[in-house]
Amino acid sequence: MKSVLSIVFNNFLHDSRVLKECISLQKGGYSVRVAALHSGDLPEEDEIAGVPVTRIRLRTRQWSKNRLVQLIKYAELWLRLIRMARQVDILHCNDLEPLPVVVLAKWLVNRRAKIVYDAHELEFDKSDAQTKYYPRFLLRAAERFFIRHSDAMMVVSPLIADAYVQRYKIPRPVVVMNCPNYRKPGPHEDLFRKKFGIQAHQRIFLYQGGLSPHRGVELLLDIFPKLGDEYVLVVLGFGLLVPMVEQAAEKHANIFYHPAVSPTELDRYTACADVGFCLYQGFSGNHNLTIGNKIFQYIMAGLPVVASNLEGLKYVLTSQMGVVVQDFRDPGQLQEAIREIGTWKPEDYRPHLEAAARTYNWENQETALLTVYRSLYE
């Protein structure tokens, strides 16, 4: 049995893609462990949905965020990961940040290991010029060098696969979209109405996912108080903008905040809304080309979508599945789109969403994932 170490630079509480991959690999006959970062009071040794997890506790974690100090933290993490990488057959690298660590670990302690580079975003253009996420030149230089030392590569979108081919002149990465498991249409539990006392005549519009700038959250908080009580906004997620959302929920009767739920529970909650939002603001190449796992969640739950006019989102959505806002940064156009989709009748959009759900589901993506793994030893 081949052993896999899947490496993430988060605490592995809300990483639905990596969890689905690990479960699929276990079903495919692989022994899998996740190496994640420790935070808070989470256990260092854990198990999520049958997947063993080791969270690495860094002694330098509380040190300054100065970039030089960050390199020291990175070095400590690398030393800890080396111990875990010595005996495994496959190192599965999620996103760019762990890739240099993984390649160096292979060179120094485990030359026989295979490396799978799993880019969850358009890594060389995932930040916009207005942020200091990572220095662009450093990120791009690291990827250009280390990408050629991976044995296989996966990406989350066909458009992102094309962008990687064009930029690095590499073989086309395998596309493994971040789709949810297939579930047949059926009754839901009305969790939001029960929790928040939302009335039957009110339509629930759902934003779920990371609460960060440039995802349309601020626009929605500004628009919904002007729409009337029949339009209700539920924001489900975590991130920097949680205090802003909580303040809006306290002030306005038609805005509600729900903390993030585990990936295994998310489908239940998504199905309890009427309309979904995916409003990336398009400040980077990644925003333009990514499809976004929330789009697939909405499709599987049978929710029509209000989406930004971006290439990745339009790749999936048809005019029968949602409304694309042409100028998605214009509050007036977004408000108009919300009112328009509020008039849609379920019989008009549900057949199209059900057909899309039979294509965009994890069972179909699982086949591509296992094909990548089999190719490592062919």
Protein backbone atom coordinates (compact mmCIF):
# COMPACT_ATOMS: atom_id res chain seq x y z
CA MET A 1 0.00 0.00 0.00
CA LYS A 2 1.44 3.36 -1.04
CA SER A 3 1.59 6.02 1.69
CA VAL A 4 0.62 9.66 1.11
CA LEU A 5 1.44 12.75 3.16
CA SER A 6 -0.90 15.61 2.17
CA ILE A 7 0.54 18.95 3.30
CA VAL A 8 -1.55 22.06 3.96
CA PHE A 9 -0.53 25.37 5.49
CA ASN A 10 -3.78 25.79 7.45
CA ASN A 11 -5.32 24.09 10.49
CA PHE A 12 -7.38 21.71 8.32
CA LEU A 13 -10.75 22.56 9.81
CA HIS A 14 -12.47 23.96 6.70
CA ASP A 15 -10.46 22.56 3.77
CA SER A 16 -13.17 20.64 1.95
CA ARG A 17 -11.08 19.90 -1.16
CA VAL A 18 -8.20 18.27 0.71
CA LEU A 19 -10.60 16.27 2.87
CA LYS A 20 -12.45 14.91 -0.19
CA GLU A 21 -9.15 14.04 -1.86
CA CYS A 22 -7.91 12.16 1.19
CA ILE A 23 -11.13 10.16 1.53
CA SER A 24 -10.99 9.26 -2.18
CA LEU A 25 -7.36 8.18 -1.90
CA GLN A 26 -8.20 5.99 1.09
CA LYS A 27 -10.97 4.35 -0.96
CA GLY A 28 -8.45 3.90 -3.78
CA GLY A 29 -6.15 1.86 -1.56
CA TYR A 30 -3.69 4.51 -0.32
CA SER A 31 -2.62 5.15 3.28
CA VAL A 32 -3.13 8.88 3.87
CA ARG A 33 -2.14 11.37 6.56
CA VAL A 34 -2.58 15.17 6.54
CA ALA A 35 0.18 17.44 7.86
CA ALA A 36 -1.37 20.76 8.90
CA LEU A 37 -0.53 23.76 11.11
CA HIS A 38 -1.50 23.83 14.77
CA SER A 39 -3.59 26.73 16.07
CA GLY A 40 -5.51 27.56 19.21
CA ASP A 41 -6.53 24.62 21.35
CA LEU A 42 -6.90 22.13 18.48
CA PRO A 43 -5.42 18.69 19.12
CA GLU A 44 -2.03 17.99 17.57
CA GLU A 45 -3.13 14.47 16.65
CA ASP A 46 -6.64 14.35 15.25
CA GLU A 47 -8.92 12.45 12.91
CA ILE A 48 -11.50 14.06 10.61
CA ALA A 49 -13.97 11.87 8.70
CA GLY A 50 -11.59 8.94 9.13
CA VAL A 51 -8.53 10.87 7.89
CA PRO A 52 -5.63 11.07 10.40
CA VAL A 53 -4.25 14.59 10.90
CA THR A 54 -1.02 15.79 12.50
CA ARG A 55 -1.01 19.50 13.32
CA ILE A 56 2.51 20.86 13.66
CA ARG A 57 2.97 23.15 16.66
CA LEU A 58 5.65 25.76 15.85
CA ARG A 59 7.67 27.24 18.71
CA THR A 60 8.18 30.34 16.57
CA ARG A 61 4.45 30.76 15.76
CA GLN A 62 3.97 33.76 18.07
CA TRP A 63 7.08 35.57 16.92
CA SER A 64 6.96 38.77 14.88
CA LYS A 65 5.43 38.80 11.41
CA ASN A 66 8.54 40.53 10.06
CA ARG A 67 9.47 38.87 6.77
CA LEU A 68 12.91 37.83 8.01
CA VAL A 69 11.31 36.21 11.06
CA GLN A 70 8.80 34.51 8.76
CA LEU A 71 11.75 32.77 7.08
CA ILE A 72 12.82 31.42 10.47
CA LYS A 73 9.29 30.07 11.01
CA TYR A 74 9.41 28.50 7.56
CA ALA A 75 12.73 26.84 8.40
CA GLU A 76 11.31 25.38 11.62
CA LEU A 77 8.29 24.03 9.74
CA TRP A 78 10.59 22.48 7.12
CA LEU A 79 12.62 20.69 9.82
CA ARG A 80 9.43 19.29 11.37
CA LEU A 81 8.06 18.16 8.02
CA ILE A 82 11.29 16.39 7.07
CA ARG A 83 10.69 13.87 9.85
CA MET A 84 7.25 13.09 8.49
CA ALA A 85 8.43 12.89 4.88
CA ARG A 86 11.21 10.32 5.39
CA GLN A 87 9.18 7.16 4.83
CA VAL A 88 6.22 8.17 2.65
CA ASP A 89 5.82 7.26 -1.01
CA ILE A 90 3.92 10.36 -2.20
CA LEU A 91 4.11 13.97 -1.02
CA HIS A 92 0.91 15.81 -1.96
CA CYS A 93 1.58 19.55 -1.91
CA ASN A 94 -1.54 21.73 -1.58
CA ASP A 95 -0.91 25.23 -2.98
CA LEU A 96 2.43 26.85 -3.71
CA GLU A 97 3.61 27.74 -0.20
CA PRO A 98 4.56 24.15 0.81
CA LEU A 99 6.14 23.31 -2.58
CA PRO A 100 9.73 24.45 -1.81
CA VAL A 101 9.59 22.59 1.53
CA VAL A 102 8.38 19.42 -0.18
CA VAL A 103 10.97 19.49 -2.95
CA LEU A 104 13.83 20.12 -0.50
CA ALA A 105 12.57 17.31 1.73
CA LYS A 106 12.65 14.94 -1.22
CA TRP A 107 16.17 15.97 -2.22
CA LEU A 108 17.57 15.59 1.29
CA VAL A 109 15.76 12.70 2.97
CA ASN A 110 13.53 10.76 0.55
CA ARG A 111 14.72 10.64 -3.05
CA ARG A 112 12.23 7.91 -3.94
CA ALA A 113 9.17 10.02 -3.04
CA LYS A 114 6.85 11.27 -5.78
CA ILE A 115 5.54 14.85 -5.60
CA VAL A 116 2.01 15.88 -6.60
CA TYR A 117 1.59 19.64 -6.90
CA ASP A 118 -2.06 20.55 -6.33
CA ALA A 119 -2.59 24.25 -7.19
CA HIS A 120 -5.89 25.34 -5.67
CA GLU A 121 -5.60 28.75 -7.32
CA LEU A 122 -3.75 30.53 -10.10
CA GLU A 123 -0.76 30.70 -7.80
CA PHE A 124 1.41 33.04 -9.87
CA ASP A 125 -1.36 35.67 -10.00
CA LYS A 126 -3.56 35.16 -6.96
CA SER A 127 -2.97 38.54 -5.30
CA ASP A 128 -3.83 41.97 -6.57
CA ALA A 129 -1.56 45.00 -6.69
CA GLN A 130 -3.36 46.56 -3.70
CA THR A 131 -2.39 43.81 -1.24
CA LYS A 132 0.82 42.55 0.33
CA TYR A 133 -0.16 38.89 0.33
CA TYR A 134 3.26 37.79 -0.95
CA PRO A 135 5.78 39.65 -3.10
CA ARG A 136 4.71 38.73 -6.60
CA PHE A 137 8.24 38.38 -7.95
CA LEU A 138 9.21 35.94 -5.18
CA LEU A 139 6.09 33.83 -5.58
CA ARG A 140 6.50 33.61 -9.34
CA ALA A 141 10.22 32.82 -9.17
CA ALA A 142 9.65 30.06 -6.63
CA GLU A 143 6.91 28.44 -8.68
CA ARG A 144 8.87 28.70 -11.94
CA PHE A 145 11.79 26.81 -10.36
CA PHE A 146 10.05 24.24 -8.15
CA ILE A 147 7.14 23.34 -10.44
CA ARG A 148 9.50 21.39 -12.69
CA HIS A 149 10.48 19.12 -9.82
CA SER A 150 6.95 17.80 -9.28
CA ASP A 151 6.00 14.44 -10.77
CA ALA A 152 2.38 15.41 -11.46
CA MET A 153 0.26 18.54 -11.25
CA MET A 154 -3.43 19.16 -10.63
CA VAL A 155 -5.47 22.37 -10.86
CA VAL A 156 -9.05 23.35 -10.06
CA SER A 157 -10.20 24.81 -13.38
CA PRO A 158 -9.68 24.16 -17.11
CA LEU A 159 -8.95 27.86 -17.60
CA ILE A 160 -6.26 27.76 -14.92
CA ALA A 161 -4.77 24.66 -16.56
CA ASP A 162 -4.49 26.57 -19.84
CA ALA A 163 -2.86 29.52 -18.06
CA TYR A 164 -0.19 27.26 -16.55
CA VAL A 165 0.61 25.72 -19.91
CA GLN A 166 0.96 29.14 -21.48
CA ARG A 167 3.13 30.57 -18.71
CA TYR A 168 5.52 27.70 -18.01
CA LYS A 169 5.32 25.63 -21.21
CA ILE A 170 4.63 22.49 -19.16
CA PRO A 171 2.37 19.52 -19.96
CA ARG A 172 -1.26 20.42 -19.28
CA PRO A 173 -2.10 19.82 -15.59
CA VAL A 174 -4.97 17.46 -14.80
CA VAL A 175 -8.16 19.29 -13.85
CA VAL A 176 -9.75 18.16 -10.58
CA MET A 177 -12.54 20.62 -9.79
CA ASN A 178 -13.55 21.25 -6.20
CA CYS A 179 -17.08 19.86 -6.54
CA PRO A 180 -19.20 18.47 -3.69
CA ASN A 181 -20.34 14.88 -3.49
CA TYR A 182 -23.44 14.18 -5.54
CA ARG A 183 -26.73 14.31 -3.71
CA LYS A 184 -30.16 13.79 -5.19
CA PRO A 185 -32.63 16.69 -5.00
CA GLY A 186 -34.90 16.44 -2.02
CA PRO A 187 -36.35 18.21 1.02
CA HIS A 188 -34.04 20.24 3.25
CA GLU A 189 -34.06 21.01 6.97
CA ASP A 190 -34.80 24.77 6.83
CA LEU A 191 -31.92 25.39 9.23
CA PHE A 192 -31.68 29.14 8.62
CA ARG A 193 -35.41 29.81 9.04
CA LYS A 194 -35.46 27.85 12.30
CA LYS A 195 -32.32 29.47 13.70
CA PHE A 196 -33.04 33.09 12.74
CA GLY A 197 -36.87 33.11 12.66
CA ILE A 198 -36.99 33.92 8.93
CA GLN A 199 -40.56 33.90 7.62
CA ALA A 200 -41.87 31.67 4.82
CA HIS A 201 -42.52 34.61 2.48
CA GLN A 202 -38.95 35.90 2.81
CA ARG A 203 -36.39 34.75 0.25
CA ILE A 204 -33.00 33.70 1.63
CA PHE A 205 -29.92 34.89 -0.29
CA LEU A 206 -26.75 33.11 0.85
CA TYR A 207 -23.15 34.22 0.82
CA GLN A 208 -20.88 31.40 1.98
CA GLY A 209 -17.12 31.11 2.11
CA GLY A 210 -14.18 33.27 3.09
CA LEU A 211 -15.12 36.67 4.48
CA SER A 212 -12.29 38.64 2.90
CA PRO A 213 -12.06 41.86 0.88
CA HIS A 214 -12.68 41.74 -2.88
CA ARG A 215 -15.36 39.03 -2.68
CA GLY A 216 -18.40 41.28 -2.70
CA VAL A 217 -19.29 41.02 0.99
CA GLU A 218 -19.11 44.78 1.56
CA LEU A 219 -21.41 45.43 -1.41
CA LEU A 220 -24.03 43.00 -0.12
CA LEU A 221 -24.01 44.52 3.36
CA ASP A 222 -24.64 47.92 1.78
CA ILE A 223 -27.39 46.76 -0.59
CA PHE A 224 -29.63 44.51 1.50
CA PRO A 225 -30.89 47.14 3.96
CA LYS A 226 -32.28 48.99 0.90
CA LEU A 227 -34.12 46.01 -0.59
CA GLY A 228 -36.93 45.45 1.87
CA ASP A 229 -37.72 42.71 4.37
CA GLU A 230 -38.72 40.13 1.75
CA TYR A 231 -35.01 39.91 0.78
CA VAL A 232 -32.91 38.25 3.51
CA LEU A 233 -29.12 37.92 3.45
CA VAL A 234 -27.43 35.09 5.36
CA VAL A 235 -23.63 35.25 5.52
CA LEU A 236 -21.98 31.94 6.44
CA GLY A 237 -18.21 31.82 6.81
CA PHE A 238 -15.13 33.09 8.57
CA GLY A 239 -12.37 35.63 7.93
CA LEU A 240 -11.32 39.25 8.34
CA LEU A 241 -14.76 40.73 7.68
CA VAL A 242 -16.62 38.81 10.41
CA PRO A 243 -16.84 41.91 12.72
CA MET A 244 -18.27 43.98 9.84
CA VAL A 245 -20.89 41.31 9.11
CA GLU A 246 -21.81 40.97 12.79
CA GLN A 247 -22.29 44.74 13.08
CA ALA A 248 -24.54 44.79 10.01
CA ALA A 249 -26.57 41.89 11.42
CA GLU A 250 -27.13 43.79 14.67
CA LYS A 251 -28.33 46.90 12.81
CA HIS A 252 -30.51 45.39 10.09
CA ALA A 253 -33.38 42.93 10.50
CA ASN A 254 -32.80 41.24 7.12
CA ILE A 255 -29.08 40.42 7.57
CA PHE A 256 -27.87 37.40 9.57
CA TYR A 257 -24.44 35.97 10.33
CA HIS A 258 -23.77 32.25 10.77
CA PRO A 259 -20.28 31.03 11.74
CA ALA A 260 -18.50 28.65 9.38
CA VAL A 261 -19.48 25.00 9.60
CA SER A 262 -17.36 21.93 8.90
CA PRO A 263 -17.02 20.75 5.28
CA THR A 264 -19.03 17.63 6.12
CA GLU A 265 -21.98 19.81 7.24
CA LEU A 266 -21.86 22.53 4.58
CA ASP A 267 -24.18 20.82 2.08
CA ARG A 268 -26.97 20.68 4.66
CA TYR A 269 -26.80 24.42 5.22
CA THR A 270 -26.42 25.45 1.59
CA ALA A 271 -29.60 23.58 0.66
CA CYS A 272 -31.59 25.74 3.10
CA ALA A 273 -31.19 28.94 1.07
CA ASP A 274 -33.02 30.11 -2.07
CA VAL A 275 -30.28 31.97 -4.01
CA GLY A 276 -26.47 31.94 -3.80
CA PHE A 277 -23.85 34.65 -4.36
CA CYS A 278 -20.43 34.33 -5.99
CA LEU A 279 -19.12 37.86 -6.40
CA TYR A 280 -15.35 37.77 -6.80
CA GLN A 281 -14.29 41.30 -7.63
CA GLY A 282 -11.80 40.40 -10.36
CA PHE A 283 -8.68 42.19 -9.11
CA SER A 284 -6.35 39.33 -10.08
CA GLY A 285 -5.93 36.68 -12.73
CA ASN A 286 -6.98 34.09 -10.18
CA HIS A 287 -10.31 35.83 -9.53
CA ASN A 288 -10.96 36.00 -13.26
CA LEU A 289 -10.21 32.32 -14.00
CA THR A 290 -11.24 30.49 -10.84
CA ILE A 291 -14.62 28.76 -10.71
CA GLY A 292 -14.97 28.77 -6.95
CA ASN A 293 -16.18 25.80 -4.97
CA LYS A 294 -19.22 27.75 -3.73
CA ILE A 295 -20.59 27.74 -7.30
CA PHE A 296 -20.61 23.95 -7.26
CA GLN A 297 -22.15 23.91 -3.78
CA TYR A 298 -25.00 26.11 -4.99
CA ILE A 299 -25.56 23.96 -8.08
CA MET A 300 -25.70 20.77 -6.02
CA ALA A 301 -28.17 22.41 -3.62
CA GLY A 302 -30.39 23.57 -6.50
CA LEU A 303 -29.80 27.29 -5.91
CA PRO A 304 -29.68 29.78 -8.78
CA VAL A 305 -26.66 32.07 -8.55
CA VAL A 306 -25.93 35.79 -8.77
CA ALA A 307 -22.36 35.92 -10.10
CA SER A 308 -19.66 38.30 -11.31
CA ASN A 309 -18.99 38.68 -15.01
CA LEU A 310 -15.73 36.68 -14.85
CA GLU A 311 -14.44 33.99 -17.19
CA GLY A 312 -14.28 31.16 -14.66
CA LEU A 313 -17.82 31.68 -13.37
CA LYS A 314 -19.26 31.98 -16.88
CA TYR A 315 -17.53 28.72 -17.80
CA VAL A 316 -20.01 26.87 -15.57
CA LEU A 317 -23.11 29.05 -15.34
CA THR A 318 -25.73 29.25 -18.08
CA SER A 319 -28.45 31.87 -18.32
CA GLN A 320 -30.93 29.31 -16.90
CA MET A 321 -28.78 28.76 -13.79
CA GLY A 322 -28.17 32.30 -12.65
CA VAL A 323 -27.73 35.99 -13.37
CA VAL A 324 -24.31 37.33 -14.36
CA VAL A 325 -23.81 40.95 -13.28
CA GLN A 326 -21.98 42.78 -16.05
CA ASP A 327 -20.52 45.54 -13.87
CA PHE A 328 -20.32 43.53 -10.67
CA ARG A 329 -18.77 46.39 -8.68
CA ASP A 330 -21.77 48.64 -9.36
CA PRO A 331 -24.27 48.48 -6.45
CA GLY A 332 -27.10 49.50 -8.77
CA GLN A 333 -26.53 46.63 -11.22
CA LEU A 334 -26.12 44.15 -8.39
CA GLN A 335 -29.34 45.33 -6.76
CA GLU A 336 -31.14 44.96 -10.09
CA ALA A 337 -29.80 41.40 -10.48
CA ILE A 338 -31.01 40.48 -6.98
CA ARG A 339 -34.50 41.75 -7.75
CA GLU A 340 -34.54 39.94 -11.09
CA ILE A 341 -33.52 36.55 -9.71
CA GLY A 342 -35.99 37.06 -6.88
CA THR A 343 -38.80 36.66 -9.43
CA TRP A 344 -37.55 33.32 -10.78
CA LYS A 345 -39.73 30.27 -10.28
CA PRO A 346 -38.17 26.93 -9.23
CA GLU A 347 -39.63 25.03 -12.20
CA ASP A 348 -37.68 27.33 -14.54
CA TYR A 349 -34.19 26.78 -13.11
CA ARG A 350 -34.15 23.52 -11.14
CA PRO A 351 -34.02 21.14 -14.16
CA HIS A 352 -30.94 22.97 -15.45
CA LEU A 353 -29.25 22.89 -12.04
CA GLU A 354 -30.02 19.19 -11.61
CA ALA A 355 -28.47 18.44 -15.00
CA ALA A 356 -25.35 20.43 -14.06
CA ALA A 357 -25.12 18.61 -10.72
CA ARG A 358 -24.83 15.29 -12.56
CA THR A 359 -21.70 16.68 -14.27
CA TYR A 360 -20.12 18.80 -11.54
CA ASN A 361 -19.84 16.34 -8.65
CA TRP A 362 -16.93 14.87 -6.72
CA GLU A 363 -17.57 11.34 -7.94
CA ASN A 364 -16.61 12.49 -11.45
CA GLN A 365 -13.57 14.41 -10.17
CA GLU A 366 -12.42 11.45 -8.09
CA THR A 367 -11.73 9.52 -11.28
CA ALA A 368 -9.31 12.21 -12.45
CA LEU A 369 -7.58 12.31 -9.05
CA LEU A 370 -6.97 8.56 -8.98
CA THR A 371 -5.76 8.64 -12.60
CA VAL A 372 -3.07 11.16 -11.54
CA TYR A 373 -1.93 8.85 -8.75
CA ARG A 374 -1.85 5.75 -10.93
CA SER A 375 0.26 7.64 -13.48
CA LEU A 376 3.02 8.20 -10.89
CA TYR A 377 4.11 4.57 -11.09
CA GLU A 378 3.28 3.72 -14.70
